[in-house]
Amino acid sequence: MRVVFSELAKQEFDDAVSFYETKHYGLGKQFKEEVKKAINRIVKYPKAWSVEQADVRKCLLHRFPYKLLYSIETGHIFVIAVAHQHRRPTYWVE
């Protein structure tokens, strides 16, 4: 199944990678890998994660305080946000 990131999710992902890379060399790459693993799990089992709101589900990352918010669309998974779990919890609804 195809995965499509919203513009917001792309920007959040890039920002998080940059942030972690400035904290420690290679940590940004580790964040990328963790997101990739989460995406693979979502593609394999799209309905396995709990519903955050309405038709939006959340998949928590294991090593980082982020969650992927996504919806299951016809023919693809739409990633709405790559959200930090402790900052403005419902900002993505807007």
C-alpha atoms as a PDB file:
ATOM      1  CA  MET A   1       0.000   0.000   0.000  1.00  0.00           C
ATOM      2  CA  ARG A   2       1.208   3.484  -0.857  1.00  0.00           C
ATOM      3  CA  VAL A   3       1.954   6.061   1.869  1.00  0.00           C
ATOM      4  CA  VAL A   4       1.350   9.781   1.278  1.00  0.00           C
ATOM      5  CA  PHE A   5       2.611  12.465   3.689  1.00  0.00           C
ATOM      6  CA  SER A   6       0.805  15.779   4.061  1.00  0.00           C
ATOM      7  CA  GLU A   7       2.940  18.898   3.595  1.00  0.00           C
ATOM      8  CA  LEU A   8       2.732  19.476   7.348  1.00  0.00           C
ATOM      9  CA  ALA A   9       3.914  15.929   8.097  1.00  0.00           C
ATOM     10  CA  LYS A  10       6.829  16.284   5.651  1.00  0.00           C
ATOM     11  CA  GLN A  11       7.913  19.535   7.317  1.00  0.00           C
ATOM     12  CA  GLU A  12       7.588  18.090  10.821  1.00  0.00           C
ATOM     13  CA  PHE A  13       9.589  15.037   9.810  1.00  0.00           C
ATOM     14  CA  ASP A  14      12.376  17.141   8.281  1.00  0.00           C
ATOM     15  CA  ASP A  15      12.426  19.462  11.311  1.00  0.00           C
ATOM     16  CA  ALA A  16      12.694  16.546  13.738  1.00  0.00           C
ATOM     17  CA  VAL A  17      15.497  14.930  11.726  1.00  0.00           C
ATOM     18  CA  SER A  18      17.416  18.231  11.718  1.00  0.00           C
ATOM     19  CA  PHE A  19      16.818  18.780  15.437  1.00  0.00           C
ATOM     20  CA  TYR A  20      18.059  15.320  16.423  1.00  0.00           C
ATOM     21  CA  GLU A  21      21.043  15.546  14.087  1.00  0.00           C
ATOM     22  CA  THR A  22      22.152  18.805  15.758  1.00  0.00           C
ATOM     23  CA  LYS A  23      21.830  17.160  19.191  1.00  0.00           C
ATOM     24  CA  HIS A  24      24.012  14.200  18.320  1.00  0.00           C
ATOM     25  CA  TYR A  25      25.585  13.115  15.035  1.00  0.00           C
ATOM     26  CA  GLY A  26      23.633  10.162  13.615  1.00  0.00           C
ATOM     27  CA  LEU A  27      20.576  10.624  15.828  1.00  0.00           C
ATOM     28  CA  GLY A  28      18.636  12.206  12.968  1.00  0.00           C
ATOM     29  CA  LYS A  29      19.328   9.125  10.866  1.00  0.00           C
ATOM     30  CA  GLN A  30      18.111   6.926  13.727  1.00  0.00           C
ATOM     31  CA  PHE A  31      14.904   8.971  13.890  1.00  0.00           C
ATOM     32  CA  LYS A  32      14.412   8.455  10.130  1.00  0.00           C
ATOM     33  CA  GLU A  33      14.844   4.709  10.559  1.00  0.00           C
ATOM     34  CA  GLU A  34      12.355   4.626  13.431  1.00  0.00           C
ATOM     35  CA  VAL A  35       9.757   6.446  11.305  1.00  0.00           C
ATOM     36  CA  LYS A  36      10.433   4.063   8.429  1.00  0.00           C
ATOM     37  CA  LYS A  37       9.851   1.061  10.717  1.00  0.00           C
ATOM     38  CA  ALA A  38       6.603   2.581  11.980  1.00  0.00           C
ATOM     39  CA  ILE A  39       5.426   3.218   8.407  1.00  0.00           C
ATOM     40  CA  ASN A  40       6.186  -0.401   7.507  1.00  0.00           C
ATOM     41  CA  ARG A  41       4.154  -1.604  10.503  1.00  0.00           C
ATOM     42  CA  ILE A  42       1.257   0.683   9.548  1.00  0.00           C
ATOM     43  CA  VAL A  43       1.275  -0.560   5.953  1.00  0.00           C
ATOM     44  CA  LYS A  44       1.304  -4.168   7.107  1.00  0.00           C
ATOM     45  CA  TYR A  45      -1.380  -3.708   9.806  1.00  0.00           C
ATOM     46  CA  PRO A  46      -3.169  -0.393   9.153  1.00  0.00           C
ATOM     47  CA  LYS A  47      -5.963  -0.949  11.688  1.00  0.00           C
ATOM     48  CA  ALA A  48      -3.716  -2.179  14.510  1.00  0.00           C
ATOM     49  CA  TRP A  49      -3.304   1.220  16.194  1.00  0.00           C
ATOM     50  CA  SER A  50      -5.800   3.053  18.330  1.00  0.00           C
ATOM     51  CA  VAL A  51      -8.059   5.792  17.043  1.00  0.00           C
ATOM     52  CA  GLU A  52      -6.949   9.280  18.053  1.00  0.00           C
ATOM     53  CA  GLN A  53      -9.997  11.119  16.749  1.00  0.00           C
ATOM     54  CA  ALA A  54     -12.706  10.230  14.204  1.00  0.00           C
ATOM     55  CA  ASP A  55     -10.929   8.278  11.420  1.00  0.00           C
ATOM     56  CA  VAL A  56      -7.414   9.292  12.492  1.00  0.00           C
ATOM     57  CA  ARG A  57      -5.205   6.655  14.073  1.00  0.00           C
ATOM     58  CA  LYS A  58      -1.939   7.076  15.952  1.00  0.00           C
ATOM     59  CA  CYS A  59       1.196   4.967  15.872  1.00  0.00           C
ATOM     60  CA  LEU A  60       3.696   5.744  18.619  1.00  0.00           C
ATOM     61  CA  LEU A  61       7.394   5.593  17.843  1.00  0.00           C
ATOM     62  CA  HIS A  62       9.413   3.344  20.140  1.00  0.00           C
ATOM     63  CA  ARG A  63      12.556   5.382  20.783  1.00  0.00           C
ATOM     64  CA  PHE A  64      11.378   8.952  20.275  1.00  0.00           C
ATOM     65  CA  PRO A  65       8.498  10.953  21.806  1.00  0.00           C
ATOM     66  CA  TYR A  66       6.637  11.200  18.483  1.00  0.00           C
ATOM     67  CA  LYS A  67       3.530   9.689  16.993  1.00  0.00           C
ATOM     68  CA  LEU A  68       2.415   9.286  13.403  1.00  0.00           C
ATOM     69  CA  LEU A  69      -1.167  10.395  12.895  1.00  0.00           C
ATOM     70  CA  TYR A  70      -2.692   8.804   9.827  1.00  0.00           C
ATOM     71  CA  SER A  71      -5.901   7.863   8.091  1.00  0.00           C
ATOM     72  CA  ILE A  72      -6.649   4.856   5.950  1.00  0.00           C
ATOM     73  CA  GLU A  73      -7.776   6.030   2.537  1.00  0.00           C
ATOM     74  CA  THR A  74      -8.811   4.114  -0.564  1.00  0.00           C
ATOM     75  CA  GLY A  75      -5.553   2.747  -1.952  1.00  0.00           C
ATOM     76  CA  HIS A  76      -3.181   4.546   0.399  1.00  0.00           C
ATOM     77  CA  ILE A  77      -2.273   5.585   3.932  1.00  0.00           C
ATOM     78  CA  PHE A  78      -2.347   9.351   4.489  1.00  0.00           C
ATOM     79  CA  VAL A  79       0.078  10.580   7.163  1.00  0.00           C
ATOM     80  CA  ILE A  80      -1.439  13.747   8.583  1.00  0.00           C
ATOM     81  CA  ALA A  81       1.252  14.640  11.108  1.00  0.00           C
ATOM     82  CA  VAL A  82       4.546  13.551  12.647  1.00  0.00           C
ATOM     83  CA  ALA A  83       3.635  14.954  16.045  1.00  0.00           C
ATOM     84  CA  HIS A  84       5.639  15.352  19.216  1.00  0.00           C
ATOM     85  CA  GLN A  85       3.641  13.639  21.971  1.00  0.00           C
ATOM     86  CA  HIS A  86       4.110  16.408  24.558  1.00  0.00           C
ATOM     87  CA  ARG A  87       3.542  19.566  22.514  1.00  0.00           C
ATOM     88  CA  ARG A  88       0.118  21.001  21.698  1.00  0.00           C
ATOM     89  CA  PRO A  89      -1.623  17.613  21.447  1.00  0.00           C
ATOM     90  CA  THR A  90      -4.441  18.542  19.044  1.00  0.00           C
ATOM     91  CA  TYR A  91      -2.795  21.216  16.850  1.00  0.00           C
ATOM     92  CA  TRP A  92      -3.073  18.972  13.788  1.00  0.00           C
ATOM     93  CA  VAL A  93      -6.885  18.984  13.907  1.00  0.00           C
ATOM     94  CA  GLU A  94      -6.919  22.532  12.503  1.00  0.00           C
END
